[in-house]
Amino acid sequence: MTTVISRSQLRTGVTIVFLSISALIMIYPLIWLFFASFKPNNEIFGSLQLLPKHIVWDSYKNGWKGSGQFTFGVFLLNTIKMVVPVVLFTVLSSTVVAYGFARFQFVLKNVFFAIMISTLMLPNAVIIIPRFILFKEFGWLNSYLPFTMPALFACYPFFIFMMVQFFRGLPRELDESATIDGCNSFGILTRILMPLCKPAIFSAAIFQFIWTWNDFFNSLIYINSVKKFTLALGLRMSLDVSSAAKWNEVMAMSMVAIIPCVLIFFFSQKYFVEGIATTGLKG
């Protein structure tokens, strides 16, 4: 009995050590980024030491001022203006479209669903030129409409597929009971199914928030005016304006840019893990 307990304890200890080392490896870049924001330039790339020898205290203050007439507060506000509508529209439109695919029968339903799923396979590089030409014809360039309008019209098949999987896991008896109680289709969705879909909705919102917040490529293509730059473009611009970049300020603003994503993830972690586990997206 003593041998069995010892082996069990040994196995638990090895597991804890393995997970701790794995977690340290995963989080080390963030730790390095944090301490690098307090180092002078020559020490960031000239030393392997994690802790700074000479602490630079004003990197966050100077980094926040930006390098031109716009501060990082402007870029942060622009990012919020772009991300919040995109997340809200994505959640609403994906939920409604997924509800239709999961609960209703209509002509060519399977064909439409197959077409929707097939768009998941298209690489972004293939559609970037047609989308640019289309948005240019609409006059949407140099605005946030290329981001918000596709979200409003459910142009993110990944989230539709995720919500469909979740709706299919909910028993249809709930719909029938609600119908007997006098609910119409909209009432069934808003009063019965959506409260049960909170894990999937939170997962979709977190994914879309992080992806849109960190998006650099699409922002670079569609936004030209500096006053509408997002954080990703603001960080890139701080490297362009001078030949000798102040890397500690860049690192400091990178930390500021990361904080909202980290907070959103940890505050919604419970729903996020549950949503991944119940929508069939886990590996």
Protein backbone atom coordinates (compact mmCIF):
# COMPACT_ATOMS: atom_id res chain seq x y z
CA MET A 1 0.00 0.00 0.00
CA THR A 2 2.88 2.26 0.92
CA THR A 3 4.56 1.52 -2.45
CA VAL A 4 1.35 2.36 -4.37
CA ILE A 5 0.96 5.69 -2.55
CA SER A 6 4.60 6.55 -3.17
CA ARG A 7 4.27 5.84 -6.89
CA SER A 8 1.12 7.90 -7.03
CA GLN A 9 2.81 10.78 -5.26
CA LEU A 10 5.84 10.43 -7.54
CA ARG A 11 3.61 10.50 -10.62
CA THR A 12 1.81 13.58 -9.30
CA GLY A 13 5.10 15.31 -8.55
CA VAL A 14 6.50 14.57 -12.01
CA THR A 15 3.29 15.86 -13.58
CA ILE A 16 3.43 19.08 -11.56
CA VAL A 17 7.09 19.64 -12.46
CA PHE A 18 6.42 18.94 -16.16
CA LEU A 19 3.42 21.29 -16.26
CA SER A 20 5.33 23.98 -14.36
CA ILE A 21 8.25 23.84 -16.80
CA SER A 22 5.85 23.89 -19.76
CA ALA A 23 3.98 26.89 -18.32
CA LEU A 24 7.28 28.71 -17.70
CA ILE A 25 8.38 28.10 -21.29
CA MET A 26 5.04 29.36 -22.57
CA ILE A 27 5.02 32.50 -20.44
CA TYR A 28 8.75 33.30 -20.71
CA PRO A 29 8.36 35.58 -23.78
CA LEU A 30 5.88 37.71 -21.83
CA ILE A 31 8.20 37.84 -18.81
CA TRP A 32 11.12 38.82 -21.08
CA LEU A 33 8.96 41.48 -22.77
CA PHE A 34 7.99 42.96 -19.39
CA PHE A 35 11.56 43.25 -18.09
CA ALA A 36 12.84 44.43 -21.49
CA SER A 37 10.50 47.40 -21.27
CA PHE A 38 12.65 48.66 -18.35
CA LYS A 39 16.03 48.13 -20.05
CA PRO A 40 18.07 50.58 -22.16
CA ASN A 41 18.52 49.74 -25.83
CA ASN A 42 22.06 48.42 -25.56
CA GLU A 43 21.07 46.05 -22.77
CA ILE A 44 17.99 44.58 -24.50
CA PHE A 45 19.98 42.98 -27.31
CA GLY A 46 23.42 42.94 -25.69
CA SER A 47 22.75 40.79 -22.65
CA LEU A 48 21.03 37.50 -21.89
CA GLN A 49 20.25 38.59 -18.35
CA LEU A 50 16.52 38.74 -17.64
CA LEU A 51 16.57 41.46 -14.97
CA PRO A 52 17.74 44.94 -16.07
CA LYS A 53 21.07 46.23 -14.75
CA HIS A 54 20.00 49.84 -15.26
CA ILE A 55 16.26 50.42 -14.90
CA VAL A 56 14.61 52.89 -17.29
CA TRP A 57 11.50 54.17 -15.51
CA ASP A 58 10.05 56.49 -18.15
CA SER A 59 9.68 54.02 -21.04
CA TYR A 60 5.91 53.68 -20.48
CA LYS A 61 5.45 57.45 -20.11
CA ASN A 62 7.48 58.30 -23.21
CA GLY A 63 6.04 55.41 -25.19
CA TRP A 64 2.50 56.56 -24.42
CA LYS A 65 3.29 60.00 -25.89
CA GLY A 66 3.89 58.38 -29.27
CA SER A 67 6.26 59.62 -31.91
CA GLY A 68 4.08 62.15 -33.73
CA GLN A 69 0.99 64.25 -33.11
CA PHE A 70 -1.04 61.22 -32.01
CA THR A 71 -0.50 59.45 -28.71
CA PHE A 72 -1.04 55.78 -28.02
CA GLY A 73 -4.26 56.81 -26.27
CA VAL A 74 -5.63 57.70 -29.72
CA PHE A 75 -4.53 54.35 -31.14
CA LEU A 76 -6.04 52.54 -28.15
CA LEU A 77 -9.36 54.37 -28.58
CA ASN A 78 -9.35 53.62 -32.32
CA THR A 79 -8.78 49.93 -31.60
CA ILE A 80 -11.69 49.88 -29.17
CA LYS A 81 -13.91 51.65 -31.72
CA MET A 82 -13.09 48.96 -34.24
CA VAL A 83 -13.07 45.86 -32.04
CA VAL A 84 -16.22 46.35 -29.95
CA PRO A 85 -18.70 46.62 -32.88
CA VAL A 86 -16.96 43.75 -34.67
CA VAL A 87 -17.31 41.47 -31.62
CA LEU A 88 -20.95 42.43 -30.98
CA PHE A 89 -21.99 42.08 -34.63
CA THR A 90 -20.13 38.79 -34.99
CA VAL A 91 -21.84 37.25 -31.97
CA LEU A 92 -25.33 38.44 -32.97
CA SER A 93 -25.13 37.58 -36.67
CA SER A 94 -23.41 34.23 -36.15
CA THR A 95 -25.97 33.22 -33.53
CA VAL A 96 -28.94 34.07 -35.76
CA VAL A 97 -27.49 32.31 -38.82
CA ALA A 98 -26.45 29.26 -36.79
CA TYR A 99 -29.94 29.10 -35.27
CA GLY A 100 -31.40 28.95 -38.76
CA PHE A 101 -29.08 26.16 -39.88
CA ALA A 102 -29.56 24.15 -36.68
CA ARG A 103 -33.31 24.42 -36.15
CA PHE A 104 -35.08 25.11 -39.47
CA GLN A 105 -35.66 23.21 -42.69
CA PHE A 106 -35.55 25.20 -45.92
CA VAL A 107 -34.80 24.64 -49.58
CA LEU A 108 -31.11 23.97 -50.37
CA LYS A 109 -30.22 24.12 -46.69
CA ASN A 110 -27.49 21.48 -47.01
CA VAL A 111 -26.07 23.19 -50.11
CA PHE A 112 -25.88 26.55 -48.38
CA PHE A 113 -24.30 24.95 -45.32
CA ALA A 114 -21.73 23.17 -47.48
CA ILE A 115 -20.89 26.44 -49.27
CA MET A 116 -20.55 28.18 -45.93
CA ILE A 117 -18.24 25.46 -44.61
CA SER A 118 -16.19 25.47 -47.83
CA THR A 119 -15.35 29.14 -47.29
CA LEU A 120 -13.49 28.04 -44.16
CA MET A 121 -10.93 26.39 -46.41
CA LEU A 122 -10.15 29.58 -48.36
CA PRO A 123 -6.83 31.13 -47.33
CA ASN A 124 -7.01 34.81 -46.50
CA ALA A 125 -4.42 35.60 -49.18
CA VAL A 126 -6.82 34.37 -51.88
CA ILE A 127 -9.68 36.69 -50.99
CA ILE A 128 -7.72 39.77 -49.95
CA ILE A 129 -7.58 41.32 -53.47
CA PRO A 130 -11.29 40.76 -54.35
CA ARG A 131 -12.28 42.10 -50.94
CA PHE A 132 -10.06 45.16 -51.37
CA ILE A 133 -11.56 45.93 -54.80
CA LEU A 134 -15.10 45.41 -53.45
CA PHE A 135 -14.58 47.65 -50.42
CA LYS A 136 -12.92 50.27 -52.61
CA GLU A 137 -15.98 50.35 -54.87
CA PHE A 138 -18.17 50.77 -51.78
CA GLY A 139 -16.00 53.65 -50.58
CA TRP A 140 -15.20 51.89 -47.31
CA LEU A 141 -11.42 52.26 -47.42
CA ASN A 142 -9.74 54.23 -44.65
CA SER A 143 -12.61 53.42 -42.30
CA TYR A 144 -13.58 50.57 -39.99
CA LEU A 145 -16.45 49.43 -42.25
CA PRO A 146 -14.35 46.64 -43.91
CA PHE A 147 -14.26 45.11 -40.43
CA THR A 148 -17.72 45.85 -39.05
CA MET A 149 -19.90 45.19 -42.10
CA PRO A 150 -18.67 41.60 -42.72
CA ALA A 151 -19.26 40.96 -39.02
CA LEU A 152 -22.79 42.37 -39.27
CA PHE A 153 -23.65 40.06 -42.19
CA ALA A 154 -22.21 36.88 -40.62
CA CYS A 155 -19.15 36.58 -42.86
CA TYR A 156 -17.22 34.54 -40.29
CA PRO A 157 -18.09 30.87 -41.01
CA PHE A 158 -15.90 29.58 -38.20
CA PHE A 159 -18.18 31.13 -35.57
CA ILE A 160 -21.33 30.02 -37.41
CA PHE A 161 -20.06 26.45 -37.47
CA MET A 162 -19.15 26.64 -33.77
CA MET A 163 -22.61 27.93 -32.83
CA VAL A 164 -24.34 25.33 -35.03
CA GLN A 165 -22.48 22.59 -33.19
CA PHE A 166 -23.65 23.99 -29.87
CA PHE A 167 -27.28 24.39 -30.98
CA ARG A 168 -27.32 20.80 -32.21
CA GLY A 169 -26.36 19.68 -28.70
CA LEU A 170 -29.44 21.32 -27.19
CA PRO A 171 -32.56 19.09 -27.12
CA ARG A 172 -35.37 20.07 -29.47
CA GLU A 173 -37.84 19.34 -26.68
CA LEU A 174 -36.91 22.75 -25.27
CA ASP A 175 -38.19 24.38 -28.47
CA GLU A 176 -41.38 22.31 -28.42
CA SER A 177 -42.08 23.18 -24.79
CA ALA A 178 -41.50 26.87 -25.48
CA THR A 179 -43.81 26.70 -28.50
CA ILE A 180 -46.57 25.18 -26.36
CA ASP A 181 -46.07 28.03 -23.88
CA GLY A 182 -46.61 30.54 -26.69
CA CYS A 183 -43.06 31.45 -27.76
CA ASN A 184 -42.41 32.19 -31.41
CA SER A 185 -39.09 31.40 -33.11
CA PHE A 186 -37.48 34.68 -32.02
CA GLY A 187 -38.64 34.12 -28.43
CA ILE A 188 -37.24 30.59 -28.41
CA LEU A 189 -33.86 31.92 -29.53
CA THR A 190 -33.66 34.87 -27.14
CA ARG A 191 -35.40 33.44 -24.07
CA ILE A 192 -34.54 29.73 -24.18
CA LEU A 193 -31.51 28.97 -26.35
CA MET A 194 -29.26 32.03 -25.99
CA PRO A 195 -29.04 31.81 -22.16
CA LEU A 196 -27.95 28.18 -22.62
CA CYS A 197 -25.43 29.23 -25.28
CA LYS A 198 -23.39 31.52 -23.02
CA PRO A 199 -20.25 29.32 -23.17
CA ALA A 200 -20.28 29.24 -26.98
CA ILE A 201 -21.10 32.97 -27.20
CA PHE A 202 -18.27 33.84 -24.81
CA SER A 203 -15.88 31.64 -26.79
CA ALA A 204 -16.83 33.32 -30.07
CA ALA A 205 -16.53 36.77 -28.48
CA ILE A 206 -13.10 36.04 -26.99
CA PHE A 207 -11.74 34.55 -30.22
CA GLN A 208 -13.01 37.48 -32.28
CA PHE A 209 -11.79 40.05 -29.75
CA ILE A 210 -8.25 38.67 -29.68
CA TRP A 211 -8.05 38.14 -33.44
CA THR A 212 -9.35 41.61 -34.29
CA TRP A 213 -7.36 43.34 -31.54
CA ASN A 214 -4.09 41.83 -32.77
CA ASP A 215 -4.91 42.08 -36.48
CA PHE A 216 -2.12 43.91 -38.30
CA PHE A 217 -2.38 42.80 -41.92
CA ASN A 218 -5.99 43.83 -42.63
CA SER A 219 -5.60 47.08 -40.69
CA LEU A 220 -2.52 47.88 -42.77
CA ILE A 221 -4.44 47.31 -46.01
CA TYR A 222 -7.70 49.11 -45.25
CA ILE A 223 -6.61 52.00 -42.97
CA ASN A 224 -4.42 54.72 -44.42
CA SER A 225 -4.88 57.73 -42.14
CA VAL A 226 -2.65 57.91 -39.06
CA LYS A 227 -5.45 59.35 -36.95
CA LYS A 228 -7.39 56.09 -37.50
CA PHE A 229 -4.46 53.76 -36.83
CA THR A 230 -4.98 50.88 -34.42
CA LEU A 231 -2.48 49.78 -31.77
CA ALA A 232 -0.80 47.31 -34.11
CA LEU A 233 -0.24 50.01 -36.73
CA GLY A 234 0.82 52.51 -34.06
CA LEU A 235 3.49 50.12 -32.83
CA ARG A 236 4.73 49.59 -36.36
CA MET A 237 4.78 53.34 -37.01
CA SER A 238 6.95 53.93 -33.93
CA LEU A 239 9.61 51.80 -35.64
CA ASP A 240 9.35 53.70 -38.91
CA VAL A 241 9.70 57.31 -37.77
CA SER A 242 13.31 57.06 -36.61
CA SER A 243 16.30 55.02 -37.68
CA ALA A 244 17.21 54.23 -34.05
CA ALA A 245 14.07 52.83 -32.46
CA LYS A 246 13.65 53.11 -28.71
CA TRP A 247 12.95 49.47 -28.12
CA ASN A 248 12.13 49.80 -24.44
CA GLU A 249 9.25 52.16 -25.37
CA VAL A 250 8.11 49.74 -28.07
CA MET A 251 8.22 46.89 -25.54
CA ALA A 252 6.32 49.02 -23.01
CA MET A 253 3.52 49.80 -25.47
CA SER A 254 3.47 46.15 -26.54
CA MET A 255 2.77 45.26 -22.90
CA VAL A 256 -0.04 47.84 -22.83
CA ALA A 257 -1.48 46.34 -26.04
CA ILE A 258 -1.44 42.83 -24.59
CA ILE A 259 -3.15 43.65 -21.27
CA PRO A 260 -6.79 43.87 -22.56
CA CYS A 261 -6.54 40.46 -24.27
CA VAL A 262 -5.08 38.86 -21.14
CA LEU A 263 -7.75 40.40 -18.90
CA ILE A 264 -10.59 39.38 -21.22
CA PHE A 265 -9.29 35.82 -21.33
CA PHE A 266 -8.85 35.39 -17.59
CA PHE A 267 -12.17 37.01 -16.63
CA SER A 268 -14.03 34.81 -19.15
CA GLN A 269 -11.88 31.71 -18.77
CA LYS A 270 -14.66 29.62 -17.24
CA TYR A 271 -17.05 30.17 -20.15
CA PHE A 272 -14.24 29.94 -22.71
CA VAL A 273 -13.08 26.48 -21.58
CA GLU A 274 -16.66 25.25 -21.31
CA GLY A 275 -17.48 26.58 -24.76
CA ILE A 276 -14.48 24.90 -26.36
CA ALA A 277 -15.33 21.62 -24.61
CA THR A 278 -18.99 21.62 -25.69
CA THR A 279 -18.75 22.80 -29.30
CA GLY A 280 -16.51 20.01 -30.56
CA LEU A 281 -13.55 22.37 -31.24
CA LYS A 282 -11.17 20.71 -28.82
CA GLY A 283 -8.47 18.55 -30.30
